[in-house]
Amino acid sequence: MGYTELLISQSNVFSGFQKSFEEAEYVVIGVPFDVTSTYRTGARFGPNSIRSASLNIETYSFRSSVDVEDLRLHDLGDLHVSTDTVQTLERAERVINEVFSAGKIPVIIGGEHTITLGVLKGLGGKVSETAVISFDAHLDLRDEFMGLKLSHTTFMRRISEQLKPAKVVEVGTRAVCKEELEYARNVGVELFPARYIKQTGSKNVIERLREKLAECESFYLSVDMDVLDPAYAPAVQNPEPEGLDTPTLLDVICSLCDKRLVAFDVVEVAPNYDQGVTAVQAAKIIFEMLCQIEKSRKA
């Protein structure tokens, strides 16, 4: 790694099973950043809470018949973040670019959702042919919020405007403002609200998502833990009622984890707001995603 000065090693490594960077197919990076948080704070503690949870749950996936223990994983540790949002995103971009250029699949654990912008920039020219699918209670498409053009409430708009991915799809939405809805309609952001998913069922949503992604060369998945109902994930920075349950979320996410996936993130765990439940959910989601990707890559 050429940017080791940007990383801080951690005593716990995700899953507890560690290969060398050279051997690894999947590379875990924590981004303990929550500077723009506007309601609850604490997502900066998310990466290590998820690591801790991952050491204390079983690793075999009944969904994919794959065991995390058999995957070639490497945990690089945490990004050395700054209180300056732009600087932190630039650091994330540099590290992700090196990992991605080495032929690895970056697995990002956050941290507030703003970090997704830096991660996607790290994919370089690949972004223009990549669909971005965000599982989130919120659209995060505001142009500005509380005087900030770059924050956890605006980063998806910056992604749409600056990076121009092949497609943007938002799943599990249930908390929006009129400005965001108008922007989504104008630029063609696809929405799958939580209410629609509950009314029509995960099977229908999976079929529709697959149709929309059928012609995409690659895609990126971003999972904000507030996509789950607070009953399942209470320790998030911006909880919203009427969210998805865990089985539904996993059914939909795992249906998309094929060999076209170039990277993914799981963000917005603020562990101080519960007794570890949300971190366990996040670790489980990452396990299931990794196992499904592995199954598709080895098929």
C-alpha atoms as a PDB file:
ATOM      1  CA  MET A   1       0.000   0.000   0.000  1.00  0.00           C
ATOM      2  CA  GLY A   2       1.385   3.379  -1.017  1.00  0.00           C
ATOM      3  CA  TYR A   3      -0.825   5.365   1.356  1.00  0.00           C
ATOM      4  CA  THR A   4      -0.229   3.548   4.639  1.00  0.00           C
ATOM      5  CA  GLU A   5       0.252   6.917   6.331  1.00  0.00           C
ATOM      6  CA  LEU A   6      -3.485   7.461   5.816  1.00  0.00           C
ATOM      7  CA  LEU A   7      -4.431   4.306   7.736  1.00  0.00           C
ATOM      8  CA  ILE A   8      -4.501   3.353  11.412  1.00  0.00           C
ATOM      9  CA  SER A   9      -4.317  -0.365  12.222  1.00  0.00           C
ATOM     10  CA  GLN A  10      -6.834  -1.780  14.694  1.00  0.00           C
ATOM     11  CA  SER A  11      -6.406  -4.476  17.335  1.00  0.00           C
ATOM     12  CA  ASN A  12      -9.625  -6.140  16.160  1.00  0.00           C
ATOM     13  CA  VAL A  13      -9.804  -7.213  12.524  1.00  0.00           C
ATOM     14  CA  PHE A  14     -13.156  -7.704  10.855  1.00  0.00           C
ATOM     15  CA  SER A  15     -14.382 -11.319  11.162  1.00  0.00           C
ATOM     16  CA  GLY A  16     -11.130 -12.372  12.858  1.00  0.00           C
ATOM     17  CA  PHE A  17      -9.931 -14.128   9.685  1.00  0.00           C
ATOM     18  CA  GLN A  18      -7.069 -12.206   8.120  1.00  0.00           C
ATOM     19  CA  LYS A  19      -5.166 -12.864   4.898  1.00  0.00           C
ATOM     20  CA  SER A  20      -2.355 -10.674   3.632  1.00  0.00           C
ATOM     21  CA  PHE A  21      -3.294  -7.740   1.432  1.00  0.00           C
ATOM     22  CA  GLU A  22      -1.693  -9.472  -1.552  1.00  0.00           C
ATOM     23  CA  GLU A  23      -3.751 -12.658  -1.033  1.00  0.00           C
ATOM     24  CA  ALA A  24      -7.022 -10.900  -0.264  1.00  0.00           C
ATOM     25  CA  GLU A  25      -9.985 -10.548  -2.594  1.00  0.00           C
ATOM     26  CA  TYR A  26     -11.985  -8.357  -0.195  1.00  0.00           C
ATOM     27  CA  VAL A  27     -10.399  -5.453   1.686  1.00  0.00           C
ATOM     28  CA  VAL A  28     -12.140  -3.884   4.695  1.00  0.00           C
ATOM     29  CA  ILE A  29     -11.568  -0.212   5.513  1.00  0.00           C
ATOM     30  CA  GLY A  30     -13.155   1.704   8.380  1.00  0.00           C
ATOM     31  CA  VAL A  31     -13.940   5.413   8.056  1.00  0.00           C
ATOM     32  CA  PRO A  32     -14.687   6.743  11.583  1.00  0.00           C
ATOM     33  CA  PHE A  33     -16.133  10.082  10.492  1.00  0.00           C
ATOM     34  CA  ASP A  34     -19.310  11.916  11.590  1.00  0.00           C
ATOM     35  CA  VAL A  35     -18.442  15.619  11.383  1.00  0.00           C
ATOM     36  CA  THR A  36     -21.557  16.755   9.451  1.00  0.00           C
ATOM     37  CA  SER A  37     -24.089  14.861  11.592  1.00  0.00           C
ATOM     38  CA  THR A  38     -27.134  17.018  12.316  1.00  0.00           C
ATOM     39  CA  TYR A  39     -29.209  14.968  14.780  1.00  0.00           C
ATOM     40  CA  ARG A  40     -27.407  12.219  16.671  1.00  0.00           C
ATOM     41  CA  THR A  41     -23.650  11.794  16.498  1.00  0.00           C
ATOM     42  CA  GLY A  42     -21.460   8.779  17.157  1.00  0.00           C
ATOM     43  CA  ALA A  43     -21.069   7.020  13.803  1.00  0.00           C
ATOM     44  CA  ARG A  44     -17.328   7.580  14.215  1.00  0.00           C
ATOM     45  CA  PHE A  45     -17.497   4.685  16.691  1.00  0.00           C
ATOM     46  CA  GLY A  46     -19.266   2.489  14.141  1.00  0.00           C
ATOM     47  CA  PRO A  47     -16.316   0.739  12.473  1.00  0.00           C
ATOM     48  CA  ASN A  48     -14.900  -0.771  15.628  1.00  0.00           C
ATOM     49  CA  SER A  49     -18.316  -1.669  17.047  1.00  0.00           C
ATOM     50  CA  ILE A  50     -19.038  -3.582  13.829  1.00  0.00           C
ATOM     51  CA  ARG A  51     -15.629  -5.266  14.005  1.00  0.00           C
ATOM     52  CA  SER A  52     -16.310  -6.330  17.589  1.00  0.00           C
ATOM     53  CA  ALA A  53     -19.736  -7.701  16.653  1.00  0.00           C
ATOM     54  CA  SER A  54     -18.242  -9.601  13.721  1.00  0.00           C
ATOM     55  CA  LEU A  55     -15.982 -11.500  16.123  1.00  0.00           C
ATOM     56  CA  ASN A  56     -18.924 -12.710  18.161  1.00  0.00           C
ATOM     57  CA  ILE A  57     -21.439 -14.029  15.619  1.00  0.00           C
ATOM     58  CA  GLU A  58     -21.261 -17.200  13.544  1.00  0.00           C
ATOM     59  CA  THR A  59     -19.830 -16.968  10.043  1.00  0.00           C
ATOM     60  CA  TYR A  60     -21.747 -19.571   8.026  1.00  0.00           C
ATOM     61  CA  SER A  61     -24.447 -18.302   5.640  1.00  0.00           C
ATOM     62  CA  PHE A  62     -27.490 -20.494   5.045  1.00  0.00           C
ATOM     63  CA  ARG A  63     -28.501 -18.109   2.253  1.00  0.00           C
ATOM     64  CA  SER A  64     -25.440 -18.833   0.142  1.00  0.00           C
ATOM     65  CA  SER A  65     -23.926 -21.977   1.726  1.00  0.00           C
ATOM     66  CA  VAL A  66     -20.645 -20.066   2.078  1.00  0.00           C
ATOM     67  CA  ASP A  67     -18.620 -19.472   5.240  1.00  0.00           C
ATOM     68  CA  VAL A  68     -16.880 -16.148   5.875  1.00  0.00           C
ATOM     69  CA  GLU A  69     -14.044 -18.163   7.377  1.00  0.00           C
ATOM     70  CA  ASP A  70     -13.200 -19.406   3.870  1.00  0.00           C
ATOM     71  CA  LEU A  71     -13.063 -15.959   2.258  1.00  0.00           C
ATOM     72  CA  ARG A  72      -9.845 -14.135   1.494  1.00  0.00           C
ATOM     73  CA  LEU A  73     -10.344 -11.044   3.666  1.00  0.00           C
ATOM     74  CA  HIS A  74      -7.926  -8.348   4.749  1.00  0.00           C
ATOM     75  CA  ASP A  75      -8.744  -5.524   7.181  1.00  0.00           C
ATOM     76  CA  LEU A  76      -6.589  -2.463   6.492  1.00  0.00           C
ATOM     77  CA  GLY A  77      -7.788  -0.677   9.623  1.00  0.00           C
ATOM     78  CA  ASP A  78      -9.274   2.806   9.780  1.00  0.00           C
ATOM     79  CA  LEU A  79      -8.742   5.808   7.567  1.00  0.00           C
ATOM     80  CA  HIS A  80      -6.941   8.617   9.368  1.00  0.00           C
ATOM     81  CA  VAL A  81      -9.819  11.104   9.172  1.00  0.00           C
ATOM     82  CA  SER A  82      -9.782  14.879   9.452  1.00  0.00           C
ATOM     83  CA  THR A  83     -12.351  17.293  10.852  1.00  0.00           C
ATOM     84  CA  ASP A  84     -12.336  18.754   7.354  1.00  0.00           C
ATOM     85  CA  THR A  85     -14.916  16.878   5.252  1.00  0.00           C
ATOM     86  CA  VAL A  86     -13.255  17.543   1.901  1.00  0.00           C
ATOM     87  CA  GLN A  87      -9.882  16.385   3.192  1.00  0.00           C
ATOM     88  CA  THR A  88     -11.358  13.192   4.640  1.00  0.00           C
ATOM     89  CA  LEU A  89     -13.110  12.383   1.367  1.00  0.00           C
ATOM     90  CA  GLU A  90      -9.892  13.006  -0.547  1.00  0.00           C
ATOM     91  CA  ARG A  91      -8.055  10.584   1.742  1.00  0.00           C
ATOM     92  CA  ALA A  92     -10.792   7.992   1.251  1.00  0.00           C
ATOM     93  CA  GLU A  93     -10.566   8.461  -2.511  1.00  0.00           C
ATOM     94  CA  ARG A  94      -6.799   7.859  -2.528  1.00  0.00           C
ATOM     95  CA  VAL A  95      -6.941   4.700  -0.427  1.00  0.00           C
ATOM     96  CA  ILE A  96      -9.944   3.234  -2.266  1.00  0.00           C
ATOM     97  CA  ASN A  97      -8.334   3.940  -5.617  1.00  0.00           C
ATOM     98  CA  GLU A  98      -5.255   1.983  -4.651  1.00  0.00           C
ATOM     99  CA  VAL A  99      -7.278  -0.944  -3.302  1.00  0.00           C
ATOM    100  CA  PHE A 100      -9.556  -0.989  -6.353  1.00  0.00           C
ATOM    101  CA  SER A 101      -6.639  -0.661  -8.770  1.00  0.00           C
ATOM    102  CA  ALA A 102      -5.071  -3.715  -7.127  1.00  0.00           C
ATOM    103  CA  GLY A 103      -8.083  -5.767  -8.218  1.00  0.00           C
ATOM    104  CA  LYS A 104      -9.682  -5.995  -4.762  1.00  0.00           C
ATOM    105  CA  ILE A 105     -13.292  -5.385  -3.719  1.00  0.00           C
ATOM    106  CA  PRO A 106     -13.326  -2.540  -1.150  1.00  0.00           C
ATOM    107  CA  VAL A 107     -15.667  -3.078   1.812  1.00  0.00           C
ATOM    108  CA  ILE A 108     -16.229   0.183   3.684  1.00  0.00           C
ATOM    109  CA  ILE A 109     -17.612   0.453   7.212  1.00  0.00           C
ATOM    110  CA  GLY A 110     -18.649   3.852   8.546  1.00  0.00           C
ATOM    111  CA  GLY A 111     -18.973   6.412   9.654  1.00  0.00           C
ATOM    112  CA  GLU A 112     -21.569   8.832   8.322  1.00  0.00           C
ATOM    113  CA  HIS A 113     -23.020   8.338   4.861  1.00  0.00           C
ATOM    114  CA  THR A 114     -21.131  11.277   3.335  1.00  0.00           C
ATOM    115  CA  ILE A 115     -18.098   8.995   2.990  1.00  0.00           C
ATOM    116  CA  THR A 116     -19.771   7.213   0.052  1.00  0.00           C
ATOM    117  CA  LEU A 117     -18.905  10.197  -2.160  1.00  0.00           C
ATOM    118  CA  GLY A 118     -15.193   9.785  -1.446  1.00  0.00           C
ATOM    119  CA  VAL A 119     -15.355   6.029  -1.960  1.00  0.00           C
ATOM    120  CA  LEU A 120     -17.051   6.381  -5.339  1.00  0.00           C
ATOM    121  CA  LYS A 121     -14.471   8.931  -6.447  1.00  0.00           C
ATOM    122  CA  GLY A 122     -11.869   6.290  -5.663  1.00  0.00           C
ATOM    123  CA  LEU A 123     -13.329   4.089  -8.399  1.00  0.00           C
ATOM    124  CA  GLY A 124     -12.105   6.631 -10.950  1.00  0.00           C
ATOM    125  CA  GLY A 125     -13.524   6.408 -14.474  1.00  0.00           C
ATOM    126  CA  LYS A 126     -15.431   3.250 -13.541  1.00  0.00           C
ATOM    127  CA  VAL A 127     -18.136   5.366 -11.884  1.00  0.00           C
ATOM    128  CA  SER A 128     -19.660   6.553 -15.167  1.00  0.00           C
ATOM    129  CA  GLU A 129     -20.561   2.967 -16.070  1.00  0.00           C
ATOM    130  CA  THR A 130     -21.573   1.975 -12.542  1.00  0.00           C
ATOM    131  CA  ALA A 131     -25.065   1.985 -11.051  1.00  0.00           C
ATOM    132  CA  VAL A 132     -25.276   3.240  -7.462  1.00  0.00           C
ATOM    133  CA  ILE A 133     -27.931   1.543  -5.340  1.00  0.00           C
ATOM    134  CA  SER A 134     -28.466   3.173  -1.945  1.00  0.00           C
ATOM    135  CA  PHE A 135     -30.489   1.473   0.799  1.00  0.00           C
ATOM    136  CA  ASP A 136     -31.507   4.377   2.996  1.00  0.00           C
ATOM    137  CA  ALA A 137     -34.481   5.893   4.807  1.00  0.00           C
ATOM    138  CA  HIS A 138     -33.514   9.250   3.288  1.00  0.00           C
ATOM    139  CA  LEU A 139     -32.841  10.463  -0.247  1.00  0.00           C
ATOM    140  CA  ASP A 140     -29.955  12.765   0.751  1.00  0.00           C
ATOM    141  CA  LEU A 141     -30.598  14.804  -2.394  1.00  0.00           C
ATOM    142  CA  ARG A 142     -30.835  18.274  -0.861  1.00  0.00           C
ATOM    143  CA  ASP A 143     -28.714  20.917  -2.548  1.00  0.00           C
ATOM    144  CA  GLU A 144     -27.830  22.475   0.807  1.00  0.00           C
ATOM    145  CA  PHE A 145     -28.674  21.941   4.459  1.00  0.00           C
ATOM    146  CA  MET A 146     -27.768  24.156   7.432  1.00  0.00           C
ATOM    147  CA  GLY A 147     -25.383  26.092   5.219  1.00  0.00           C
ATOM    148  CA  LEU A 148     -23.500  23.003   4.011  1.00  0.00           C
ATOM    149  CA  LYS A 149     -23.315  21.908   0.386  1.00  0.00           C
ATOM    150  CA  LEU A 150     -21.418  18.771   1.380  1.00  0.00           C
ATOM    151  CA  SER A 151     -22.919  16.701   4.173  1.00  0.00           C
ATOM    152  CA  HIS A 152     -24.808  13.523   4.986  1.00  0.00           C
ATOM    153  CA  THR A 153     -27.980  15.205   3.670  1.00  0.00           C
ATOM    154  CA  THR A 154     -26.554  16.325   0.306  1.00  0.00           C
ATOM    155  CA  PHE A 155     -23.932  13.766  -0.732  1.00  0.00           C
ATOM    156  CA  MET A 156     -26.220  11.792  -3.072  1.00  0.00           C
ATOM    157  CA  ARG A 157     -26.930  14.984  -4.991  1.00  0.00           C
ATOM    158  CA  ARG A 158     -23.193  15.657  -5.255  1.00  0.00           C
ATOM    159  CA  ILE A 159     -22.724  12.085  -6.523  1.00  0.00           C
ATOM    160  CA  SER A 160     -25.428  12.608  -9.138  1.00  0.00           C
ATOM    161  CA  GLU A 161     -24.134  16.013 -10.251  1.00  0.00           C
ATOM    162  CA  GLN A 162     -20.375  15.486 -10.080  1.00  0.00           C
ATOM    163  CA  LEU A 163     -19.787  11.806 -10.769  1.00  0.00           C
ATOM    164  CA  LYS A 164     -22.764  11.091 -13.046  1.00  0.00           C
ATOM    165  CA  PRO A 165     -23.059   7.345 -12.402  1.00  0.00           C
ATOM    166  CA  ALA A 166     -24.834   5.184 -14.969  1.00  0.00           C
ATOM    167  CA  LYS A 167     -27.898   4.958 -12.719  1.00  0.00           C
ATOM    168  CA  VAL A 168     -28.937   5.993  -9.206  1.00  0.00           C
ATOM    169  CA  VAL A 169     -31.496   3.875  -7.347  1.00  0.00           C
ATOM    170  CA  GLU A 170     -32.713   4.559  -3.798  1.00  0.00           C
ATOM    171  CA  VAL A 171     -34.355   1.715  -1.862  1.00  0.00           C
ATOM    172  CA  GLY A 172     -36.242   1.820   1.448  1.00  0.00           C
ATOM    173  CA  THR A 173     -36.967   5.553   1.279  1.00  0.00           C
ATOM    174  CA  ARG A 174     -39.504   7.035   3.680  1.00  0.00           C
ATOM    175  CA  ALA A 175     -38.173  10.447   4.796  1.00  0.00           C
ATOM    176  CA  VAL A 176     -37.935  13.122   2.099  1.00  0.00           C
ATOM    177  CA  CYS A 177     -38.592  16.781   1.359  1.00  0.00           C
ATOM    178  CA  LYS A 178     -40.303  18.206  -1.734  1.00  0.00           C
ATOM    179  CA  GLU A 179     -37.036  19.605  -3.096  1.00  0.00           C
ATOM    180  CA  GLU A 180     -35.522  16.126  -3.146  1.00  0.00           C
ATOM    181  CA  LEU A 181     -38.529  14.534  -4.844  1.00  0.00           C
ATOM    182  CA  GLU A 182     -38.520  17.194  -7.539  1.00  0.00           C
ATOM    183  CA  TYR A 183     -34.804  16.728  -8.160  1.00  0.00           C
ATOM    184  CA  ALA A 184     -35.203  12.936  -8.292  1.00  0.00           C
ATOM    185  CA  ARG A 185     -37.954  13.259 -10.900  1.00  0.00           C
ATOM    186  CA  ASN A 186     -35.969  15.747 -12.972  1.00  0.00           C
ATOM    187  CA  VAL A 187     -32.792  13.676 -13.215  1.00  0.00           C
ATOM    188  CA  GLY A 188     -34.315  10.187 -13.227  1.00  0.00           C
ATOM    189  CA  VAL A 189     -33.316   8.882  -9.797  1.00  0.00           C
ATOM    190  CA  GLU A 190     -35.304   5.661  -9.286  1.00  0.00           C
ATOM    191  CA  LEU A 191     -37.165   5.275  -5.978  1.00  0.00           C
ATOM    192  CA  PHE A 192     -38.353   2.144  -4.186  1.00  0.00           C
ATOM    193  CA  PRO A 193     -40.005   3.526  -1.026  1.00  0.00           C
ATOM    194  CA  ALA A 194     -40.311   1.340   2.066  1.00  0.00           C
ATOM    195  CA  ARG A 195     -44.105   1.504   1.817  1.00  0.00           C
ATOM    196  CA  TYR A 196     -44.017   0.184  -1.754  1.00  0.00           C
ATOM    197  CA  ILE A 197     -41.755  -2.699  -0.727  1.00  0.00           C
ATOM    198  CA  LYS A 198     -44.085  -3.661   2.108  1.00  0.00           C
ATOM    199  CA  GLN A 199     -47.182  -3.465  -0.107  1.00  0.00           C
ATOM    200  CA  THR A 200     -45.820  -5.415  -3.074  1.00  0.00           C
ATOM    201  CA  GLY A 201     -43.338  -7.738  -1.368  1.00  0.00           C
ATOM    202  CA  SER A 202     -39.621  -8.305  -1.705  1.00  0.00           C
ATOM    203  CA  LYS A 203     -40.000 -10.749  -4.608  1.00  0.00           C
ATOM    204  CA  ASN A 204     -41.578  -8.086  -6.809  1.00  0.00           C
ATOM    205  CA  VAL A 205     -38.967  -5.498  -5.818  1.00  0.00           C
ATOM    206  CA  ILE A 206     -36.138  -7.935  -6.561  1.00  0.00           C
ATOM    207  CA  GLU A 207     -37.546  -8.600 -10.037  1.00  0.00           C
ATOM    208  CA  ARG A 208     -37.906  -4.884 -10.784  1.00  0.00           C
ATOM    209  CA  LEU A 209     -34.419  -4.075  -9.518  1.00  0.00           C
ATOM    210  CA  ARG A 210     -32.903  -6.848 -11.607  1.00  0.00           C
ATOM    211  CA  GLU A 211     -34.688  -5.525 -14.679  1.00  0.00           C
ATOM    212  CA  LYS A 212     -33.366  -2.018 -14.091  1.00  0.00           C
ATOM    213  CA  LEU A 213     -29.825  -3.276 -13.524  1.00  0.00           C
ATOM    214  CA  ALA A 214     -29.807  -5.849 -16.307  1.00  0.00           C
ATOM    215  CA  GLU A 215     -27.810  -3.680 -18.714  1.00  0.00           C
ATOM    216  CA  CYS A 216     -25.453  -2.161 -16.126  1.00  0.00           C
ATOM    217  CA  GLU A 217     -21.828  -3.244 -16.434  1.00  0.00           C
ATOM    218  CA  SER A 218     -21.148  -2.801 -12.729  1.00  0.00           C
ATOM    219  CA  PHE A 219     -22.751  -1.477  -9.589  1.00  0.00           C
ATOM    220  CA  TYR A 220     -22.026  -0.198  -6.098  1.00  0.00           C
ATOM    221  CA  LEU A 221     -24.186  -0.914  -3.045  1.00  0.00           C
ATOM    222  CA  SER A 222     -24.469   1.486  -0.125  1.00  0.00           C
ATOM    223  CA  VAL A 223     -26.334   0.452   3.023  1.00  0.00           C
ATOM    224  CA  ASP A 224     -27.310   3.105   5.546  1.00  0.00           C
ATOM    225  CA  MET A 225     -28.435   1.184   8.614  1.00  0.00           C
ATOM    226  CA  ASP A 226     -31.383   3.529   9.082  1.00  0.00           C
ATOM    227  CA  VAL A 227     -33.023   1.749   6.142  1.00  0.00           C
ATOM    228  CA  LEU A 228     -34.044  -0.749   8.819  1.00  0.00           C
ATOM    229  CA  ASP A 229     -36.887   0.124  11.145  1.00  0.00           C
ATOM    230  CA  PRO A 230     -35.641   1.427  14.530  1.00  0.00           C
ATOM    231  CA  ALA A 231     -37.093  -1.738  16.080  1.00  0.00           C
ATOM    232  CA  TYR A 232     -34.288  -3.633  14.321  1.00  0.00           C
ATOM    233  CA  ALA A 233     -31.577  -0.968  14.256  1.00  0.00           C
ATOM    234  CA  PRO A 234     -32.098   1.631  16.998  1.00  0.00           C
ATOM    235  CA  ALA A 235     -28.487   2.903  17.092  1.00  0.00           C
ATOM    236  CA  VAL A 236     -28.404   5.046  13.973  1.00  0.00           C
ATOM    237  CA  GLN A 237     -27.879   8.774  13.614  1.00  0.00           C
ATOM    238  CA  ASN A 238     -31.226   9.581  11.965  1.00  0.00           C
ATOM    239  CA  PRO A 239     -33.831   6.922  12.880  1.00  0.00           C
ATOM    240  CA  GLU A 240     -37.133   6.901  10.971  1.00  0.00           C
ATOM    241  CA  PRO A 241     -40.275   4.805  11.672  1.00  0.00           C
ATOM    242  CA  GLU A 242     -41.839   2.440   9.116  1.00  0.00           C
ATOM    243  CA  GLY A 243     -38.572   0.938   7.976  1.00  0.00           C
ATOM    244  CA  LEU A 244     -37.734  -2.466   6.566  1.00  0.00           C
ATOM    245  CA  ASP A 245     -37.219  -5.591   8.627  1.00  0.00           C
ATOM    246  CA  THR A 246     -33.917  -7.453   8.463  1.00  0.00           C
ATOM    247  CA  PRO A 247     -35.050 -10.500   6.411  1.00  0.00           C
ATOM    248  CA  THR A 248     -36.589  -8.265   3.744  1.00  0.00           C
ATOM    249  CA  LEU A 249     -33.470  -6.122   3.527  1.00  0.00           C
ATOM    250  CA  LEU A 250     -31.202  -9.161   3.260  1.00  0.00           C
ATOM    251  CA  ASP A 251     -33.428 -10.785   0.637  1.00  0.00           C
ATOM    252  CA  VAL A 252     -33.218  -7.703  -1.581  1.00  0.00           C
ATOM    253  CA  ILE A 253     -29.539  -6.918  -1.007  1.00  0.00           C
ATOM    254  CA  CYS A 254     -28.329 -10.483  -1.503  1.00  0.00           C
ATOM    255  CA  SER A 255     -30.315 -10.779  -4.732  1.00  0.00           C
ATOM    256  CA  LEU A 256     -28.105  -8.001  -6.151  1.00  0.00           C
ATOM    257  CA  CYS A 257     -24.732  -9.299  -4.970  1.00  0.00           C
ATOM    258  CA  ASP A 258     -23.365 -10.812  -8.150  1.00  0.00           C
ATOM    259  CA  LYS A 259     -19.982 -10.612  -9.875  1.00  0.00           C
ATOM    260  CA  ARG A 260     -20.728  -7.111 -11.222  1.00  0.00           C
ATOM    261  CA  LEU A 261     -20.479  -5.569  -7.744  1.00  0.00           C
ATOM    262  CA  VAL A 262     -17.285  -3.508  -7.517  1.00  0.00           C
ATOM    263  CA  ALA A 263     -17.502  -2.301  -3.894  1.00  0.00           C
ATOM    264  CA  PHE A 264     -19.963  -1.669  -1.084  1.00  0.00           C
ATOM    265  CA  ASP A 265     -20.359   0.176   2.193  1.00  0.00           C
ATOM    266  CA  VAL A 266     -22.357  -0.212   5.405  1.00  0.00           C
ATOM    267  CA  VAL A 267     -22.628   3.041   7.340  1.00  0.00           C
ATOM    268  CA  GLU A 268     -24.337   5.130  10.055  1.00  0.00           C
ATOM    269  CA  VAL A 269     -24.016   2.807  13.053  1.00  0.00           C
ATOM    270  CA  ALA A 270     -23.888   4.982  16.197  1.00  0.00           C
ATOM    271  CA  PRO A 271     -23.340   2.288  18.836  1.00  0.00           C
ATOM    272  CA  ASN A 272     -23.878   4.444  21.917  1.00  0.00           C
ATOM    273  CA  TYR A 273     -27.647   4.365  21.332  1.00  0.00           C
ATOM    274  CA  ASP A 274     -28.156   0.663  22.009  1.00  0.00           C
ATOM    275  CA  GLN A 275     -26.518  -2.402  23.558  1.00  0.00           C
ATOM    276  CA  GLY A 276     -24.861  -3.680  20.393  1.00  0.00           C
ATOM    277  CA  VAL A 277     -27.936  -4.769  18.433  1.00  0.00           C
ATOM    278  CA  THR A 278     -27.352  -2.460  15.466  1.00  0.00           C
ATOM    279  CA  ALA A 279     -23.678  -3.348  15.182  1.00  0.00           C
ATOM    280  CA  VAL A 280     -24.600  -7.055  15.093  1.00  0.00           C
ATOM    281  CA  GLN A 281     -27.126  -6.343  12.341  1.00  0.00           C
ATOM    282  CA  ALA A 282     -24.462  -4.464  10.368  1.00  0.00           C
ATOM    283  CA  ALA A 283     -21.906  -7.252  10.775  1.00  0.00           C
ATOM    284  CA  LYS A 284     -24.482  -9.821   9.673  1.00  0.00           C
ATOM    285  CA  ILE A 285     -25.372  -7.773   6.593  1.00  0.00           C
ATOM    286  CA  ILE A 286     -21.702  -7.545   5.621  1.00  0.00           C
ATOM    287  CA  PHE A 287     -21.221 -11.295   6.175  1.00  0.00           C
ATOM    288  CA  GLU A 288     -24.216 -12.137   3.991  1.00  0.00           C
ATOM    289  CA  MET A 289     -23.167  -9.747   1.243  1.00  0.00           C
ATOM    290  CA  LEU A 290     -19.618 -11.098   1.175  1.00  0.00           C
ATOM    291  CA  CYS A 291     -20.830 -14.703   1.068  1.00  0.00           C
ATOM    292  CA  GLN A 292     -23.257 -13.964  -1.759  1.00  0.00           C
ATOM    293  CA  ILE A 293     -20.583 -12.158  -3.764  1.00  0.00           C
ATOM    294  CA  GLU A 294     -18.211 -15.064  -3.213  1.00  0.00           C
ATOM    295  CA  LYS A 295     -20.851 -17.541  -4.376  1.00  0.00           C
ATOM    296  CA  SER A 296     -21.467 -15.565  -7.578  1.00  0.00           C
ATOM    297  CA  ARG A 297     -17.735 -15.121  -8.297  1.00  0.00           C
ATOM    298  CA  LYS A 298     -17.004 -18.822  -7.864  1.00  0.00           C
ATOM    299  CA  ALA A 299     -20.048 -20.076  -9.778  1.00  0.00           C
END
